[in-house]
Amino acid sequence: MLQTELEPRGGFSFENCQRNAALERALPELRAPHARKTGTTIAGLVFRDGVILGADTRATNDSVVADKNCEKIHFIAPKI
């Protein structure tokens, strides 16, 4: 079993890159998914009292702007 000295934490950490590389070395059949460029901008921030999300509003189809006012973040429920 793979051992680590890193304490688990929430949020993004570049240490995850080291973890993924170690997992790929330990398990050659494992291939972690690679990041893909989608052309969209969505950002999130986690803080003590909640989460803030932000996104652009343009939808593209290859090099054509298909919609200049597209909603990419949708309301589901008050606490979701």
PDB file of N, CA and C in Angstrom:
ATOM      1  N   MET A   1       0.841  -1.175   0.000  1.00  0.00           N
ATOM      2  CA  MET A   1       0.000   0.000   0.000  1.00  0.00           C
ATOM      3  C   MET A   1       0.888   1.241   0.000  1.00  0.00           C
ATOM      4  N   LEU A   2       0.500   2.261  -0.744  1.00  0.00           N
ATOM      5  CA  LEU A   2       1.255   3.502  -0.838  1.00  0.00           C
ATOM      6  C   LEU A   2       1.138   4.300   0.455  1.00  0.00           C
ATOM      7  N   GLN A   3       2.273   4.696   1.015  1.00  0.00           N
ATOM      8  CA  GLN A   3       2.290   5.482   2.249  1.00  0.00           C
ATOM      9  C   GLN A   3       2.617   6.933   1.914  1.00  0.00           C
ATOM     10  N   THR A   4       2.049   7.860   2.666  1.00  0.00           N
ATOM     11  CA  THR A   4       2.336   9.276   2.478  1.00  0.00           C
ATOM     12  C   THR A   4       2.488   9.952   3.827  1.00  0.00           C
ATOM     13  N   GLU A   5       3.306  10.981   3.860  1.00  0.00           N
ATOM     14  CA  GLU A   5       3.489  11.745   5.088  1.00  0.00           C
ATOM     15  C   GLU A   5       2.642  13.007   5.079  1.00  0.00           C
ATOM     16  N   LEU A   6       1.912  13.250   4.010  1.00  0.00           N
ATOM     17  CA  LEU A   6       1.125  14.468   3.891  1.00  0.00           C
ATOM     18  C   LEU A   6      -0.195  14.324   4.628  1.00  0.00           C
ATOM     19  N   GLU A   7      -0.537  15.320   5.417  1.00  0.00           N
ATOM     20  CA  GLU A   7      -1.831  15.334   6.090  1.00  0.00           C
ATOM     21  C   GLU A   7      -2.899  15.744   5.086  1.00  0.00           C
ATOM     22  N   PRO A   8      -4.056  15.073   5.069  1.00  0.00           N
ATOM     23  CA  PRO A   8      -5.108  15.464   4.132  1.00  0.00           C
ATOM     24  C   PRO A   8      -5.639  16.857   4.449  1.00  0.00           C
ATOM     25  N   ARG A   9      -5.831  17.665   3.397  1.00  0.00           N
ATOM     26  CA  ARG A   9      -6.376  19.012   3.528  1.00  0.00           C
ATOM     27  C   ARG A   9      -7.365  19.237   2.399  1.00  0.00           C
ATOM     28  N   GLY A  10      -8.263  20.175   2.593  1.00  0.00           N
ATOM     29  CA  GLY A  10      -9.196  20.540   1.539  1.00  0.00           C
ATOM     30  C   GLY A  10      -8.551  21.521   0.578  1.00  0.00           C
ATOM     31  N   GLY A  11      -9.132  21.676  -0.598  1.00  0.00           N
ATOM     32  CA  GLY A  11      -8.647  22.657  -1.560  1.00  0.00           C
ATOM     33  C   GLY A  11      -7.533  22.125  -2.433  1.00  0.00           C
ATOM     34  N   PHE A  12      -7.099  22.950  -3.382  1.00  0.00           N
ATOM     35  CA  PHE A  12      -6.060  22.558  -4.330  1.00  0.00           C
ATOM     36  C   PHE A  12      -4.689  22.602  -3.681  1.00  0.00           C
ATOM     37  N   SER A  13      -3.863  21.650  -4.024  1.00  0.00           N
ATOM     38  CA  SER A  13      -2.488  21.622  -3.541  1.00  0.00           C
ATOM     39  C   SER A  13      -1.611  21.028  -4.640  1.00  0.00           C
ATOM     40  N   PHE A  14      -0.466  21.675  -4.899  1.00  0.00           N
ATOM     41  CA  PHE A  14       0.460  21.125  -5.883  1.00  0.00           C
ATOM     42  C   PHE A  14       1.044  19.799  -5.415  1.00  0.00           C
ATOM     43  N   GLU A  15       0.934  19.492  -4.108  1.00  0.00           N
ATOM     44  CA  GLU A  15       1.396  18.209  -3.604  1.00  0.00           C
ATOM     45  C   GLU A  15       0.614  17.061  -4.241  1.00  0.00           C
ATOM     46  N   ASN A  16      -0.590  17.343  -4.734  1.00  0.00           N
ATOM     47  CA  ASN A  16      -1.361  16.306  -5.419  1.00  0.00           C
ATOM     48  C   ASN A  16      -0.630  15.817  -6.664  1.00  0.00           C
ATOM     49  N   CYS A  17       0.160  16.678  -7.300  1.00  0.00           N
ATOM     50  CA  CYS A  17       0.943  16.263  -8.467  1.00  0.00           C
ATOM     51  C   CYS A  17       1.961  15.204  -8.065  1.00  0.00           C
ATOM     52  N   GLN A  18       2.610  15.416  -6.914  1.00  0.00           N
ATOM     53  CA  GLN A  18       3.565  14.427  -6.407  1.00  0.00           C
ATOM     54  C   GLN A  18       2.844  13.126  -6.065  1.00  0.00           C
ATOM     55  N   ARG A  19       1.669  13.236  -5.456  1.00  0.00           N
ATOM     56  CA  ARG A  19       0.885  12.050  -5.101  1.00  0.00           C
ATOM     57  C   ARG A  19       0.512  11.271  -6.358  1.00  0.00           C
ATOM     58  N   ASN A  20       0.030  11.982  -7.393  1.00  0.00           N
ATOM     59  CA  ASN A  20      -0.374  11.307  -8.627  1.00  0.00           C
ATOM     60  C   ASN A  20       0.814  10.618  -9.292  1.00  0.00           C
ATOM     61  N   ALA A  21       1.978  11.278  -9.297  1.00  0.00           N
ATOM     62  CA  ALA A  21       3.176  10.672  -9.885  1.00  0.00           C
ATOM     63  C   ALA A  21       3.574   9.421  -9.113  1.00  0.00           C
ATOM     64  N   ALA A  22       3.491   9.474  -7.781  1.00  0.00           N
ATOM     65  CA  ALA A  22       3.823   8.300  -6.961  1.00  0.00           C
ATOM     66  C   ALA A  22       2.841   7.163  -7.222  1.00  0.00           C
ATOM     67  N   LEU A  23       1.564   7.484  -7.366  1.00  0.00           N
ATOM     68  CA  LEU A  23       0.567   6.449  -7.659  1.00  0.00           C
ATOM     69  C   LEU A  23       0.833   5.799  -9.011  1.00  0.00           C
ATOM     70  N   GLU A  24       1.188   6.603 -10.024  1.00  0.00           N
ATOM     71  CA  GLU A  24       1.466   6.047 -11.347  1.00  0.00           C
ATOM     72  C   GLU A  24       2.708   5.157 -11.327  1.00  0.00           C
ATOM     73  N   ARG A  25       3.719   5.516 -10.510  1.00  0.00           N
ATOM     74  CA  ARG A  25       4.913   4.658 -10.395  1.00  0.00           C
ATOM     75  C   ARG A  25       4.575   3.363  -9.667  1.00  0.00           C
ATOM     76  N   ALA A  26       3.746   3.457  -8.618  1.00  0.00           N
ATOM     77  CA  ALA A  26       3.408   2.275  -7.817  1.00  0.00           C
ATOM     78  C   ALA A  26       2.437   1.353  -8.547  1.00  0.00           C
ATOM     79  N   LEU A  27       1.578   1.927  -9.374  1.00  0.00           N
ATOM     80  CA  LEU A  27       0.554   1.151 -10.084  1.00  0.00           C
ATOM     81  C   LEU A  27       0.647   1.462 -11.574  1.00  0.00           C
ATOM     82  N   PRO A  28       1.537   0.778 -12.309  1.00  0.00           N
ATOM     83  CA  PRO A  28       1.748   1.101 -13.726  1.00  0.00           C
ATOM     84  C   PRO A  28       0.479   1.038 -14.573  1.00  0.00           C
ATOM     85  N   GLU A  29      -0.501   0.225 -14.152  1.00  0.00           N
ATOM     86  CA  GLU A  29      -1.739   0.127 -14.943  1.00  0.00           C
ATOM     87  C   GLU A  29      -2.652   1.333 -14.734  1.00  0.00           C
ATOM     88  N   LEU A  30      -2.357   2.150 -13.725  1.00  0.00           N
ATOM     89  CA  LEU A  30      -3.169   3.332 -13.429  1.00  0.00           C
ATOM     90  C   LEU A  30      -2.704   4.509 -14.267  1.00  0.00           C
ATOM     91  N   ARG A  31      -3.620   5.154 -14.936  1.00  0.00           N
ATOM     92  CA  ARG A  31      -3.318   6.376 -15.679  1.00  0.00           C
ATOM     93  C   ARG A  31      -4.279   7.452 -15.198  1.00  0.00           C
ATOM     94  N   ALA A  32      -3.750   8.431 -14.478  1.00  0.00           N
ATOM     95  CA  ALA A  32      -4.586   9.526 -13.983  1.00  0.00           C
ATOM     96  C   ALA A  32      -5.063  10.367 -15.164  1.00  0.00           C
ATOM     97  N   PRO A  33      -6.269  10.906 -15.093  1.00  0.00           N
ATOM     98  CA  PRO A  33      -6.750  11.754 -16.188  1.00  0.00           C
ATOM     99  C   PRO A  33      -5.911  13.025 -16.291  1.00  0.00           C
ATOM    100  N   HIS A  34      -5.718  13.494 -17.497  1.00  0.00           N
ATOM    101  CA  HIS A  34      -4.941  14.705 -17.724  1.00  0.00           C
ATOM    102  C   HIS A  34      -5.889  15.881 -17.940  1.00  0.00           C
ATOM    103  N   ALA A  35      -5.430  17.061 -17.574  1.00  0.00           N
ATOM    104  CA  ALA A  35      -6.244  18.264 -17.747  1.00  0.00           C
ATOM    105  C   ALA A  35      -6.519  18.495 -19.227  1.00  0.00           C
ATOM    106  N   ARG A  36      -7.704  18.996 -19.513  1.00  0.00           N
ATOM    107  CA  ARG A  36      -8.071  19.311 -20.889  1.00  0.00           C
ATOM    108  C   ARG A  36      -8.425  20.785 -20.986  1.00  0.00           C
ATOM    109  N   LYS A  37      -8.049  21.405 -22.072  1.00  0.00           N
ATOM    110  CA  LYS A  37      -8.408  22.797 -22.305  1.00  0.00           C
ATOM    111  C   LYS A  37      -9.810  22.834 -22.896  1.00  0.00           C
ATOM    112  N   THR A  38     -10.709  23.535 -22.222  1.00  0.00           N
ATOM    113  CA  THR A  38     -12.084  23.634 -22.716  1.00  0.00           C
ATOM    114  C   THR A  38     -12.415  25.037 -23.185  1.00  0.00           C
ATOM    115  N   GLY A  39     -11.572  26.006 -22.863  1.00  0.00           N
ATOM    116  CA  GLY A  39     -11.821  27.369 -23.292  1.00  0.00           C
ATOM    117  C   GLY A  39     -12.768  28.133 -22.381  1.00  0.00           C
ATOM    118  N   THR A  40     -13.217  27.537 -21.310  1.00  0.00           N
ATOM    119  CA  THR A  40     -14.127  28.226 -20.401  1.00  0.00           C
ATOM    120  C   THR A  40     -13.375  28.646 -19.147  1.00  0.00           C
ATOM    121  N   THR A  41     -13.932  29.601 -18.444  1.00  0.00           N
ATOM    122  CA  THR A  41     -13.314  30.079 -17.211  1.00  0.00           C
ATOM    123  C   THR A  41     -14.301  29.919 -16.072  1.00  0.00           C
ATOM    124  N   ILE A  42     -13.985  29.034 -15.145  1.00  0.00           N
ATOM    125  CA  ILE A  42     -14.793  28.845 -13.941  1.00  0.00           C
ATOM    126  C   ILE A  42     -13.820  28.759 -12.777  1.00  0.00           C
ATOM    127  N   ALA A  43     -14.088  29.522 -11.734  1.00  0.00           N
ATOM    128  CA  ALA A  43     -13.218  29.526 -10.556  1.00  0.00           C
ATOM    129  C   ALA A  43     -14.064  29.353  -9.310  1.00  0.00           C
ATOM    130  N   GLY A  44     -13.499  28.711  -8.307  1.00  0.00           N
ATOM    131  CA  GLY A  44     -14.203  28.512  -7.049  1.00  0.00           C
ATOM    132  C   GLY A  44     -13.306  28.822  -5.874  1.00  0.00           C
ATOM    133  N   LEU A  45     -13.912  29.289  -4.803  1.00  0.00           N
ATOM    134  CA  LEU A  45     -13.196  29.620  -3.581  1.00  0.00           C
ATOM    135  C   LEU A  45     -13.953  29.025  -2.413  1.00  0.00           C
ATOM    136  N   VAL A  46     -13.261  28.233  -1.611  1.00  0.00           N
ATOM    137  CA  VAL A  46     -13.866  27.632  -0.416  1.00  0.00           C
ATOM    138  C   VAL A  46     -13.371  28.415   0.788  1.00  0.00           C
ATOM    139  N   PHE A  47     -14.291  28.822   1.657  1.00  0.00           N
ATOM    140  CA  PHE A  47     -13.914  29.518   2.882  1.00  0.00           C
ATOM    141  C   PHE A  47     -14.752  28.986   4.029  1.00  0.00           C
ATOM    142  N   ARG A  48     -14.469  29.450   5.231  1.00  0.00           N
ATOM    143  CA  ARG A  48     -15.095  28.888   6.431  1.00  0.00           C
ATOM    144  C   ARG A  48     -16.623  28.861   6.355  1.00  0.00           C
ATOM    145  N   ASP A  49     -17.241  29.908   5.825  1.00  0.00           N
ATOM    146  CA  ASP A  49     -18.701  30.008   5.831  1.00  0.00           C
ATOM    147  C   ASP A  49     -19.376  29.585   4.534  1.00  0.00           C
ATOM    148  N   GLY A  50     -18.634  29.106   3.563  1.00  0.00           N
ATOM    149  CA  GLY A  50     -19.288  28.694   2.328  1.00  0.00           C
ATOM    150  C   GLY A  50     -18.349  28.575   1.149  1.00  0.00           C
ATOM    151  N   VAL A  51     -18.924  28.766  -0.036  1.00  0.00           N
ATOM    152  CA  VAL A  51     -18.211  28.630  -1.303  1.00  0.00           C
ATOM    153  C   VAL A  51     -18.628  29.781  -2.205  1.00  0.00           C
ATOM    154  N   ILE A  52     -17.686  30.329  -2.958  1.00  0.00           N
ATOM    155  CA  ILE A  52     -17.993  31.337  -3.970  1.00  0.00           C
ATOM    156  C   ILE A  52     -17.573  30.762  -5.312  1.00  0.00           C
ATOM    157  N   LEU A  53     -18.463  30.819  -6.299  1.00  0.00           N
ATOM    158  CA  LEU A  53     -18.165  30.369  -7.654  1.00  0.00           C
ATOM    159  C   LEU A  53     -18.305  31.536  -8.614  1.00  0.00           C
ATOM    160  N   GLY A  54     -17.453  31.574  -9.612  1.00  0.00           N
ATOM    161  CA  GLY A  54     -17.542  32.596 -10.652  1.00  0.00           C
ATOM    162  C   GLY A  54     -17.263  31.964 -12.001  1.00  0.00           C
ATOM    163  N   ALA A  55     -17.910  32.480 -13.042  1.00  0.00           N
ATOM    164  CA  ALA A  55     -17.723  31.922 -14.384  1.00  0.00           C
ATOM    165  C   ALA A  55     -17.908  33.011 -15.430  1.00  0.00           C
ATOM    166  N   ASP A  56     -17.286  32.805 -16.579  1.00  0.00           N
ATOM    167  CA  ASP A  56     -17.540  33.713 -17.687  1.00  0.00           C
ATOM    168  C   ASP A  56     -18.910  33.395 -18.280  1.00  0.00           C
ATOM    169  N   THR A  57     -19.358  34.196 -19.244  1.00  0.00           N
ATOM    170  CA  THR A  57     -20.706  33.989 -19.794  1.00  0.00           C
ATOM    171  C   THR A  57     -20.701  33.669 -21.281  1.00  0.00           C
ATOM    172  N   ARG A  58     -19.532  33.504 -21.880  1.00  0.00           N
ATOM    173  CA  ARG A  58     -19.507  33.218 -23.316  1.00  0.00           C
ATOM    174  C   ARG A  58     -19.440  31.720 -23.575  1.00  0.00           C
ATOM    175  N   ALA A  59     -20.255  31.261 -24.514  1.00  0.00           N
ATOM    176  CA  ALA A  59     -20.216  29.864 -24.955  1.00  0.00           C
ATOM    177  C   ALA A  59     -19.663  29.845 -26.374  1.00  0.00           C
ATOM    178  N   THR A  60     -18.656  29.009 -26.599  1.00  0.00           N
ATOM    179  CA  THR A  60     -18.045  28.956 -27.924  1.00  0.00           C
ATOM    180  C   THR A  60     -18.222  27.581 -28.550  1.00  0.00           C
ATOM    181  N   ASN A  61     -18.168  27.574 -29.864  1.00  0.00           N
ATOM    182  CA  ASN A  61     -18.167  26.345 -30.645  1.00  0.00           C
ATOM    183  C   ASN A  61     -16.959  26.459 -31.555  1.00  0.00           C
ATOM    184  N   ASP A  62     -15.857  25.849 -31.151  1.00  0.00           N
ATOM    185  CA  ASP A  62     -14.564  25.988 -31.814  1.00  0.00           C
ATOM    186  C   ASP A  62     -14.137  27.450 -31.718  1.00  0.00           C
ATOM    187  N   SER A  63     -14.019  28.171 -32.814  1.00  0.00           N
ATOM    188  CA  SER A  63     -13.588  29.572 -32.761  1.00  0.00           C
ATOM    189  C   SER A  63     -14.750  30.554 -32.885  1.00  0.00           C
ATOM    190  N   VAL A  64     -15.983  30.052 -32.882  1.00  0.00           N
ATOM    191  CA  VAL A  64     -17.176  30.894 -33.028  1.00  0.00           C
ATOM    192  C   VAL A  64     -17.830  31.087 -31.667  1.00  0.00           C
ATOM    193  N   VAL A  65     -18.161  32.342 -31.328  1.00  0.00           N
ATOM    194  CA  VAL A  65     -18.899  32.615 -30.095  1.00  0.00           C
ATOM    195  C   VAL A  65     -20.360  32.274 -30.364  1.00  0.00           C
ATOM    196  N   ALA A  66     -20.846  31.206 -29.750  1.00  0.00           N
ATOM    197  CA  ALA A  66     -22.210  30.737 -29.992  1.00  0.00           C
ATOM    198  C   ALA A  66     -23.230  31.508 -29.160  1.00  0.00           C
ATOM    199  N   ASP A  67     -22.837  31.953 -27.969  1.00  0.00           N
ATOM    200  CA  ASP A  67     -23.755  32.673 -27.079  1.00  0.00           C
ATOM    201  C   ASP A  67     -22.920  33.600 -26.207  1.00  0.00           C
ATOM    202  N   LYS A  68     -23.261  34.892 -26.217  1.00  0.00           N
ATOM    203  CA  LYS A  68     -22.501  35.861 -25.425  1.00  0.00           C
ATOM    204  C   LYS A  68     -23.013  35.985 -23.998  1.00  0.00           C
ATOM    205  N   ASN A  69     -24.159  35.390 -23.688  1.00  0.00           N
ATOM    206  CA  ASN A  69     -24.729  35.515 -22.345  1.00  0.00           C
ATOM    207  C   ASN A  69     -25.239  34.160 -21.858  1.00  0.00           C
ATOM    208  N   CYS A  70     -24.341  33.217 -21.698  1.00  0.00           N
ATOM    209  CA  CYS A  70     -24.678  31.854 -21.290  1.00  0.00           C
ATOM    210  C   CYS A  70     -24.451  31.693 -19.792  1.00  0.00           C
ATOM    211  N   GLU A  71     -25.427  31.157 -19.072  1.00  0.00           N
ATOM    212  CA  GLU A  71     -25.259  30.908 -17.640  1.00  0.00           C
ATOM    213  C   GLU A  71     -24.601  29.547 -17.445  1.00  0.00           C
ATOM    214  N   LYS A  72     -23.449  29.539 -16.793  1.00  0.00           N
ATOM    215  CA  LYS A  72     -22.714  28.294 -16.575  1.00  0.00           C
ATOM    216  C   LYS A  72     -22.824  27.784 -15.150  1.00  0.00           C
ATOM    217  N   ILE A  73     -23.329  28.604 -14.246  1.00  0.00           N
ATOM    218  CA  ILE A  73     -23.543  28.197 -12.861  1.00  0.00           C
ATOM    219  C   ILE A  73     -25.037  28.272 -12.604  1.00  0.00           C
ATOM    220  N   HIS A  74     -25.632  27.166 -12.188  1.00  0.00           N
ATOM    221  CA  HIS A  74     -27.085  27.079 -12.037  1.00  0.00           C
ATOM    222  C   HIS A  74     -27.483  26.853 -10.585  1.00  0.00           C
ATOM    223  N   PHE A  75     -28.540  27.519 -10.156  1.00  0.00           N
ATOM    224  CA  PHE A  75     -29.095  27.347  -8.816  1.00  0.00           C
ATOM    225  C   PHE A  75     -29.737  25.970  -8.713  1.00  0.00           C
ATOM    226  N   ILE A  76     -29.415  25.235  -7.664  1.00  0.00           N
ATOM    227  CA  ILE A  76     -30.027  23.927  -7.420  1.00  0.00           C
ATOM    228  C   ILE A  76     -30.915  23.999  -6.196  1.00  0.00           C
ATOM    229  N   ALA A  77     -30.370  24.473  -5.095  1.00  0.00           N
ATOM    230  CA  ALA A  77     -31.105  24.590  -3.836  1.00  0.00           C
ATOM    231  C   ALA A  77     -30.362  25.587  -2.955  1.00  0.00           C
ATOM    232  N   PRO A  78     -31.013  26.128  -1.924  1.00  0.00           N
ATOM    233  CA  PRO A  78     -30.365  27.152  -1.100  1.00  0.00           C
ATOM    234  C   PRO A  78     -29.016  26.744  -0.508  1.00  0.00           C
ATOM    235  N   LYS A  79     -28.836  25.495  -0.142  1.00  0.00           N
ATOM    236  CA  LYS A  79     -27.577  25.087   0.491  1.00  0.00           C
ATOM    237  C   LYS A  79     -26.765  24.126  -0.362  1.00  0.00           C
ATOM    238  N   ILE A  80     -27.053  24.090  -1.638  1.00  0.00           N
ATOM    239  CA  ILE A  80     -26.275  23.255  -2.560  1.00  0.00           C
ATOM    240  C   ILE A  80     -25.674  24.168  -3.616  1.00  0.00           C
TER     241      ILE A  80
END
